[in-house]
Structures are given as structure tokens and as C-alpha cells.
Amino acid sequence: MCFREQRSKLNCATAMRGYLVAIFLSAIFLYYVLHCISWGTSVYWAHPVEMQQRKRGQPCREKPAFASLLRFHEFHPFLCASDFKKIASLYGGDKFSLPYGIKASEEPFRLALSALQSCDLFDEFDTMNNGPVLGHEEDVGRRTTFRLFYPESVFTDSNHRDPNTTAILTAFKPLDLKWLYDLLMGSKIDTKGFWQKPALDLIYKPYQIRILDPFITRTAAYELLHFPKVFPKNQKRKHPTTGIIAITLAFHICHEVHLAGFKYNFSDLKSPLHYYGNSTMSLMNASSYHNLTAEQLFLKDIIEKNFVINLTQD
């Protein structure tokens, strides 16, 4: 009888130690998870199989690999109606006109921001360019957390609406802000002044929409791509593509950034430009709005320095 009682006590003690070890290991795992997400959720999503091929159990870095590229690690990327002028003054946005600042466009910014419901990074509703997800899940995954857009590129087909996507207006001209305000207010849209016909309706709700701080685009242009601030009169001004702007945004809100689809094949101008649609490389090659050589050198540099994880096969 005494032997049974002692054995029972021994079993209880052994079980208790097992529980304590399990709790300790769970606490360690939870710490790493919280540390990993403290910089936000990655903008670029890898195919599940590709993600599984990465090393498992690899701890997050103490700080992002690309941290040396950032001047301000805790910069809030979306403008807020209450303090956008103050923020612009603090970070120099009041000294630049659109697309890299708010100078001379304070009123269009104020109106557009007044029509939005939030400027938060994430909100209670949360559970790029115009690349579709529907029908391309094997290539780009099933979820888009953030999608950058401008009036000429935003989705209008309701089949593409995702209530969990945050749509981010990247304004390049004051008309872009007026367009957004008029759409949200139900006013008539004036299509003059756009390089192609802008959307006449939105599939996104006001709570889903944010306006990107021009500081992000300015960082992409001047600090990452090293564009000159003054171009010769006989040369058209260059601006970053929305892809590079999206990478710059990711650097400010993510701890780790994965890239996919940033490979241009200039050796074959008939090759596809995107994973969707019929556009070819000839269209991008003819563009005078971007400097793709500078962008390719930048991408090559951050990949070689392991600042990002490249998922695109050579």
C-alpha cells in the first residue's frame, strides 16, 4: 500500500515536471513569434511550398537585415487627417511638391484624408499595383495584406474585392487626391489630366483605404535608387515603380521581406511583363517614366547583401 502511494506521488511529480518543461518551451516559442511579428506582417507572400523549404526553427534576427537602409525605423507610413502637416514638417515633406511631398497640395490632402475612416496600420476589420490574386493563387498566394494603387490602376471588378485588404493610394499628382475624394463623396469624376482613364468607382470601402506618406516614395527615389533631385531640362524626370515603392514600404513595417516577380527580361522584349495579362517587356522598355536600370541594380544589391529573401528563380 505504501509502495503504491509512493509510486503515485512519483508519477505525479514526473508529470508535473513534464508540464513545466512544456510550458517553458511554449513560452520560448511565443517570445520568438511575438518578436517576429513586432515589425508587422510581410507585404510579399511566398508560395506555401517555397516557405516550407526554408529552414525551420530559424530564430528571427534581433533587427532587420535591411535596417542600415532606414533613417527612421518607426516611421508611420500612412497619413492622418489630424497631423499630416505636422508630420510633413517634421520629416521634410513640406519642402517637396507631389509626388514626394505635400507642398502646395495641403488642401487636396486634407479633403481626401477627411473622407477616410482610419489611418492605422491595421484596424478591427483586418483578419500592389493592379496584379490580380483570383486565379493566380499558385503563383502569388491567397492573401494580400496591402495593395498599392493609383487612379489609373485600381481594381473596379468586384470579383477582386477582398475585405481584408488595405488599399493604399500612392498619389503622384493633386488630381489623384481629388479623384479619391470625389469617388468617396459620390461626386462626378473629371477624367481630364490622367494618363489614362481613371476608375469611376471603387470596390474598396472607406475603412480599407489609406494614403501613403510621400516620404516613402521620396525615400525610394532619393535614398534607395539615388535619383537626382534636379533633372536636366531635356530629360524627363524619373520616378520609382510601385514595386520599388512597395519594397520601401515593407522595409518600414516588416521584419523580413521576401521578393517575387521583380525580374525583367530585357533580352526578349516579347516576354511577359507580368504573371497576368498580355503586356510584354516592350511596354516597360519604352517607358520614360522609370529608370529600370537603376532599379535592377538596387534589387541586385539588396539580394546579394541578403537584405531580402529572393524567391524568383534565375
Protein backbone atom coordinates (compact mmCIF):
# COMPACT_ATOMS: atom_id res chain seq x y z
CA MET A 1 0.00 0.00 0.00
CA CYS A 2 2.82 2.42 0.97
CA PHE A 3 4.71 1.39 -2.19
CA ARG A 4 1.69 2.24 -4.33
CA GLU A 5 1.30 5.62 -2.65
CA GLN A 6 4.98 6.42 -3.18
CA ARG A 7 4.81 5.36 -6.82
CA SER A 8 1.70 7.50 -7.31
CA LYS A 9 3.48 10.51 -5.81
CA LEU A 10 6.50 9.83 -8.05
CA ASN A 11 4.29 9.66 -11.14
CA CYS A 12 2.62 12.96 -10.17
CA ALA A 13 5.99 14.63 -9.69
CA THR A 14 7.22 13.34 -13.04
CA ALA A 15 4.06 14.54 -14.79
CA MET A 16 4.36 17.95 -13.12
CA ARG A 17 7.95 18.31 -14.36
CA GLY A 18 6.77 17.42 -17.85
CA TYR A 19 4.09 20.11 -17.73
CA LEU A 20 6.59 22.70 -16.53
CA VAL A 21 9.01 21.83 -19.32
CA ALA A 22 6.19 22.09 -21.89
CA ILE A 23 5.13 25.47 -20.52
CA PHE A 24 8.74 26.71 -20.60
CA LEU A 25 9.23 25.63 -24.21
CA SER A 26 5.91 27.19 -25.20
CA ALA A 27 6.96 30.46 -23.59
CA ILE A 28 10.20 30.48 -25.60
CA PHE A 29 8.32 29.78 -28.83
CA LEU A 30 5.78 32.52 -28.07
CA TYR A 31 8.61 35.01 -27.46
CA TYR A 32 10.08 34.35 -30.90
CA VAL A 33 6.67 34.59 -32.55
CA LEU A 34 5.92 37.93 -30.91
CA HIS A 35 9.41 39.17 -31.75
CA CYS A 36 8.95 38.20 -35.39
CA ILE A 37 5.62 39.97 -35.82
CA SER A 38 6.63 43.08 -33.89
CA TRP A 39 7.72 44.68 -37.17
CA GLY A 40 4.43 43.92 -38.89
CA THR A 41 3.23 41.41 -41.43
CA SER A 42 5.20 40.79 -44.61
CA VAL A 43 3.84 42.51 -47.71
CA TYR A 44 5.11 39.83 -50.09
CA TRP A 45 3.87 36.30 -49.68
CA ALA A 46 5.70 33.18 -50.83
CA HIS A 47 4.11 30.07 -52.22
CA PRO A 48 3.46 27.67 -49.28
CA VAL A 49 5.80 25.02 -50.70
CA GLU A 50 8.61 27.56 -51.02
CA MET A 51 8.07 28.66 -47.44
CA GLN A 52 8.23 25.07 -46.21
CA GLN A 53 11.60 24.62 -47.92
CA ARG A 54 13.14 27.33 -45.74
CA LYS A 55 14.96 26.31 -42.58
CA ARG A 56 12.52 25.53 -39.81
CA GLY A 57 13.01 26.81 -36.33
CA GLN A 58 15.38 29.56 -37.50
CA PRO A 59 15.11 32.44 -35.00
CA CYS A 60 14.37 35.98 -36.15
CA ARG A 61 17.21 38.45 -36.31
CA GLU A 62 17.40 40.96 -33.50
CA LYS A 63 16.88 43.67 -36.12
CA PRO A 64 16.03 43.50 -39.82
CA ALA A 65 18.87 42.77 -42.22
CA PHE A 66 17.95 45.91 -44.17
CA ALA A 67 17.99 48.18 -41.09
CA SER A 68 21.03 50.08 -42.40
CA LEU A 69 18.89 51.39 -45.28
CA LEU A 70 16.46 53.18 -42.98
CA ARG A 71 16.84 56.60 -41.40
CA PHE A 72 13.69 56.27 -39.31
CA HIS A 73 12.83 52.77 -38.10
CA GLU A 74 9.47 53.65 -36.54
CA PHE A 75 8.09 55.92 -39.25
CA HIS A 76 4.31 55.63 -39.66
CA PRO A 77 3.69 55.13 -43.39
CA PHE A 78 0.09 56.39 -43.69
CA LEU A 79 -1.07 59.98 -43.46
CA CYS A 80 -3.60 61.01 -40.81
CA ALA A 81 -6.00 63.93 -41.18
CA SER A 82 -5.21 65.26 -37.72
CA ASP A 83 -1.46 65.74 -38.08
CA PHE A 84 -0.28 65.23 -41.66
CA LYS A 85 1.02 68.81 -41.91
CA LYS A 86 2.96 68.45 -38.67
CA ILE A 87 4.45 65.13 -39.80
CA ALA A 88 5.36 66.59 -43.19
CA SER A 89 7.15 69.46 -41.48
CA LEU A 90 8.97 67.06 -39.16
CA TYR A 91 10.27 64.82 -41.97
CA GLY A 92 10.69 67.43 -44.71
CA GLY A 93 7.60 66.62 -46.75
CA ASP A 94 6.54 70.29 -46.68
CA LYS A 95 9.55 71.16 -48.84
CA PHE A 96 8.62 68.90 -51.75
CA SER A 97 5.69 69.00 -54.16
CA LEU A 98 3.90 65.83 -55.16
CA PRO A 99 4.75 63.06 -55.70
CA TYR A 100 7.35 63.30 -52.91
CA GLY A 101 5.73 65.77 -50.52
CA ILE A 102 2.64 67.82 -49.71
CA LYS A 103 3.88 71.29 -50.67
CA ALA A 104 1.12 73.30 -52.44
CA SER A 105 -1.24 70.29 -52.12
CA GLU A 106 -2.26 70.62 -48.47
CA GLU A 107 -5.94 71.21 -49.30
CA PRO A 108 -6.31 68.17 -51.62
CA PHE A 109 -4.62 66.03 -48.97
CA ARG A 110 -6.90 67.41 -46.25
CA LEU A 111 -10.04 66.71 -48.25
CA ALA A 112 -9.03 63.19 -49.25
CA LEU A 113 -7.97 62.29 -45.70
CA SER A 114 -11.22 63.69 -44.28
CA ALA A 115 -13.15 61.13 -46.32
CA LEU A 116 -11.27 58.15 -44.86
CA GLN A 117 -12.18 56.29 -41.69
CA SER A 118 -8.74 55.27 -40.48
CA CYS A 119 -5.03 55.89 -40.89
CA ASP A 120 -3.95 52.95 -38.72
CA LEU A 121 -1.56 50.30 -39.94
CA PHE A 122 -4.13 47.67 -39.01
CA ASP A 123 -7.67 48.00 -37.68
CA GLU A 124 -10.50 45.89 -36.31
CA PHE A 125 -11.57 44.85 -39.81
CA ASP A 126 -8.25 43.17 -40.54
CA THR A 127 -8.24 39.38 -40.13
CA MET A 128 0.05 46.08 -55.44
CA ASN A 129 -0.35 47.85 -58.31
CA ASN A 130 -3.14 46.00 -60.17
CA GLY A 131 -1.90 42.42 -60.08
CA PRO A 132 -4.87 40.07 -59.52
CA VAL A 133 -4.88 37.23 -56.99
CA LEU A 134 -8.02 35.42 -58.14
CA GLY A 135 -6.98 32.60 -60.46
CA HIS A 136 -3.27 33.06 -59.69
CA GLU A 137 -3.14 31.61 -56.19
CA GLU A 138 -0.41 29.11 -57.08
CA ASP A 139 1.88 31.99 -58.06
CA VAL A 140 1.06 34.75 -55.59
CA GLY A 141 -0.74 33.10 -52.67
CA ARG A 142 -4.25 33.69 -51.40
CA ARG A 143 -3.92 36.78 -49.26
CA THR A 144 -2.95 40.38 -49.95
CA THR A 145 -2.47 42.45 -46.81
CA PHE A 146 -1.59 45.70 -48.59
CA ARG A 147 -2.18 46.74 -52.18
CA LEU A 148 -0.74 49.94 -53.62
CA PHE A 149 -2.82 51.71 -56.23
CA TYR A 150 -3.34 54.97 -58.11
CA PRO A 151 -6.38 56.19 -60.09
CA GLU A 152 -5.30 54.61 -63.35
CA SER A 153 -4.57 51.18 -61.83
CA VAL A 154 -7.12 50.47 -59.09
CA PHE A 155 -9.44 47.46 -59.41
CA THR A 156 -13.06 48.09 -60.38
CA ASP A 157 -14.15 44.47 -60.84
CA SER A 158 -15.99 43.35 -57.67
CA ASN A 159 -14.61 39.82 -58.17
CA HIS A 160 -11.28 41.16 -56.91
CA ARG A 161 -12.65 42.74 -53.75
CA ASP A 162 -11.07 41.40 -50.58
CA PRO A 163 -12.50 42.84 -47.33
CA ASN A 164 -9.21 42.03 -45.57
CA THR A 165 -7.02 44.02 -47.96
CA THR A 166 -5.81 47.51 -47.11
CA ALA A 167 -5.71 49.56 -50.32
CA ILE A 168 -3.05 52.28 -50.29
CA LEU A 169 -3.31 55.29 -52.57
CA THR A 170 0.10 56.34 -53.88
CA ALA A 171 -0.57 59.91 -55.00
CA PHE A 172 1.56 61.26 -57.84
CA LYS A 173 -0.41 64.45 -58.51
CA PRO A 174 -3.07 66.59 -56.78
CA LEU A 175 -5.69 65.22 -59.18
CA ASP A 176 -5.19 61.77 -57.63
CA LEU A 177 -6.34 63.10 -54.26
CA LYS A 178 -9.30 64.96 -55.75
CA TRP A 179 -10.27 61.78 -57.64
CA LEU A 180 -10.32 59.78 -54.40
CA TYR A 181 -12.33 62.43 -52.55
CA ASP A 182 -14.88 62.72 -55.37
CA LEU A 183 -15.30 58.95 -55.54
CA LEU A 184 -15.85 58.61 -51.81
CA MET A 185 -18.26 61.56 -51.79
CA GLY A 186 -20.22 60.23 -54.77
CA SER A 187 -19.36 63.25 -56.92
CA LYS A 188 -18.91 63.25 -60.68
CA ILE A 189 -15.40 62.27 -61.77
CA ASP A 190 -13.49 64.55 -64.12
CA THR A 191 -11.26 62.26 -66.18
CA LYS A 192 -9.09 65.04 -67.64
CA GLY A 193 -5.46 65.22 -66.56
CA PHE A 194 -4.86 61.46 -66.18
CA TRP A 195 -2.51 59.49 -68.42
CA GLN A 196 -5.30 57.00 -68.97
CA LYS A 197 -8.93 56.90 -67.90
CA PRO A 198 -9.11 56.56 -64.11
CA ALA A 199 -11.52 54.27 -62.29
CA LEU A 200 -15.06 55.64 -61.98
CA ASP A 201 -15.96 53.50 -58.97
CA LEU A 202 -14.20 51.72 -56.12
CA ILE A 203 -14.55 48.15 -54.89
CA TYR A 204 -12.90 49.12 -51.59
CA LYS A 205 -14.75 50.59 -48.64
CA PRO A 206 -13.53 53.79 -46.92
CA TYR A 207 -12.29 51.80 -43.89
CA GLN A 208 -9.95 49.84 -46.18
CA ILE A 209 -8.24 52.85 -47.78
CA ARG A 210 -5.08 54.62 -46.66
CA ILE A 211 -2.95 57.35 -48.23
CA LEU A 212 0.76 56.66 -48.39
CA ASP A 213 3.02 59.30 -46.90
CA PRO A 214 5.13 60.73 -49.78
CA PHE A 215 8.13 60.21 -47.51
CA ILE A 216 8.08 56.54 -48.52
CA THR A 217 8.21 57.36 -52.23
CA ARG A 218 10.84 60.04 -51.59
CA THR A 219 12.99 57.51 -49.73
CA ALA A 220 12.70 55.10 -52.66
CA ALA A 221 13.69 57.77 -55.19
CA TYR A 222 16.49 59.60 -53.43
CA GLU A 223 17.95 57.21 -50.86
CA LEU A 224 17.49 53.77 -52.42
CA LEU A 225 17.62 54.48 -56.17
CA HIS A 226 19.76 57.62 -55.80
CA PHE A 227 17.82 59.64 -58.34
CA PRO A 228 18.98 63.25 -58.74
CA LYS A 229 16.71 65.86 -57.21
CA VAL A 230 17.07 68.02 -60.33
CA PHE A 231 16.95 66.52 -63.83
CA PRO A 232 18.28 68.24 -66.97
CA LYS A 233 15.64 70.18 -68.92
CA ASN A 234 15.98 67.84 -71.89
CA GLN A 235 15.44 64.73 -69.75
CA LYS A 236 12.11 63.53 -68.39
CA ARG A 237 12.01 63.16 -64.61
CA LYS A 238 12.20 59.55 -63.38
CA HIS A 239 10.11 58.07 -60.57
CA PRO A 240 10.21 54.71 -58.76
CA THR A 241 7.85 51.97 -59.90
CA THR A 242 5.12 50.97 -57.48
CA GLY A 243 7.06 47.74 -56.95
CA ILE A 244 10.06 49.61 -55.54
CA ILE A 245 7.74 51.85 -53.52
CA ALA A 246 6.13 48.71 -52.08
CA ILE A 247 9.55 47.34 -51.10
CA THR A 248 10.35 50.63 -49.37
CA LEU A 249 7.04 50.44 -47.51
CA ALA A 250 7.83 46.86 -46.49
CA PHE A 251 11.20 47.96 -45.12
CA HIS A 252 9.36 50.30 -42.73
CA ILE A 253 6.73 47.87 -41.43
CA CYS A 254 8.23 44.39 -41.77
CA HIS A 255 10.98 42.46 -40.06
CA GLU A 256 11.71 40.26 -43.06
CA VAL A 257 10.92 40.90 -46.73
CA HIS A 258 10.52 38.28 -49.47
CA LEU A 259 10.60 39.28 -53.13
CA ALA A 260 8.93 37.60 -56.07
CA GLY A 261 8.38 38.76 -59.63
CA PHE A 262 11.00 41.51 -59.76
CA LYS A 263 12.90 40.15 -62.74
CA TYR A 264 12.77 41.94 -66.10
CA ASN A 265 13.84 40.05 -69.21
CA PHE A 266 15.18 42.77 -71.49
CA SER A 267 16.82 40.18 -73.76
CA ASP A 268 13.37 39.22 -75.05
CA LEU A 269 11.03 42.18 -75.40
CA LYS A 270 8.17 39.84 -76.30
CA SER A 271 8.38 38.04 -72.96
CA PRO A 272 5.56 38.63 -70.44
CA LEU A 273 5.82 41.73 -68.30
CA HIS A 274 3.58 40.35 -65.52
CA TYR A 275 2.32 36.97 -64.39
CA TYR A 276 -1.12 38.14 -65.61
CA GLY A 277 -2.42 39.84 -68.76
CA ASN A 278 -0.82 40.19 -72.19
CA SER A 279 1.61 43.07 -71.62
CA THR A 280 5.15 42.40 -72.80
CA MET A 281 8.57 43.72 -71.85
CA SER A 282 8.47 46.10 -74.81
CA LEU A 283 5.95 48.22 -72.91
CA MET A 284 8.22 48.66 -69.90
CA ASN A 285 11.30 49.10 -72.05
CA ALA A 286 9.64 52.03 -73.83
CA SER A 287 8.65 53.75 -70.59
CA SER A 288 10.40 57.07 -69.99
CA TYR A 289 8.81 57.45 -66.55
CA HIS A 290 11.02 54.90 -64.79
CA ASN A 291 14.72 54.04 -64.62
CA LEU A 292 14.67 50.27 -64.73
CA THR A 293 18.46 50.01 -64.87
CA ALA A 294 18.74 51.78 -61.52
CA GLU A 295 16.00 49.55 -60.08
CA GLN A 296 17.68 46.35 -61.28
CA LEU A 297 20.99 47.44 -59.74
CA PHE A 298 19.24 48.23 -56.46
CA LEU A 299 17.47 44.85 -56.42
CA LYS A 300 20.71 43.04 -57.25
CA ASP A 301 22.44 44.86 -54.39
CA ILE A 302 19.86 44.10 -51.69
CA ILE A 303 19.64 40.46 -52.79
CA GLU A 304 23.43 39.98 -52.74
CA LYS A 305 23.64 41.60 -49.30
CA ASN A 306 20.86 39.29 -48.03
CA PHE A 307 18.72 42.28 -47.07
CA VAL A 308 15.78 40.41 -48.62
CA ILE A 309 14.90 36.81 -49.47
CA ASN A 310 14.61 36.39 -53.24
CA LEU A 311 12.01 33.83 -54.32
CA THR A 312 12.39 34.46 -58.06
CA GLN A 313 14.31 31.78 -59.90
CA ASP A 314 17.20 32.94 -62.11
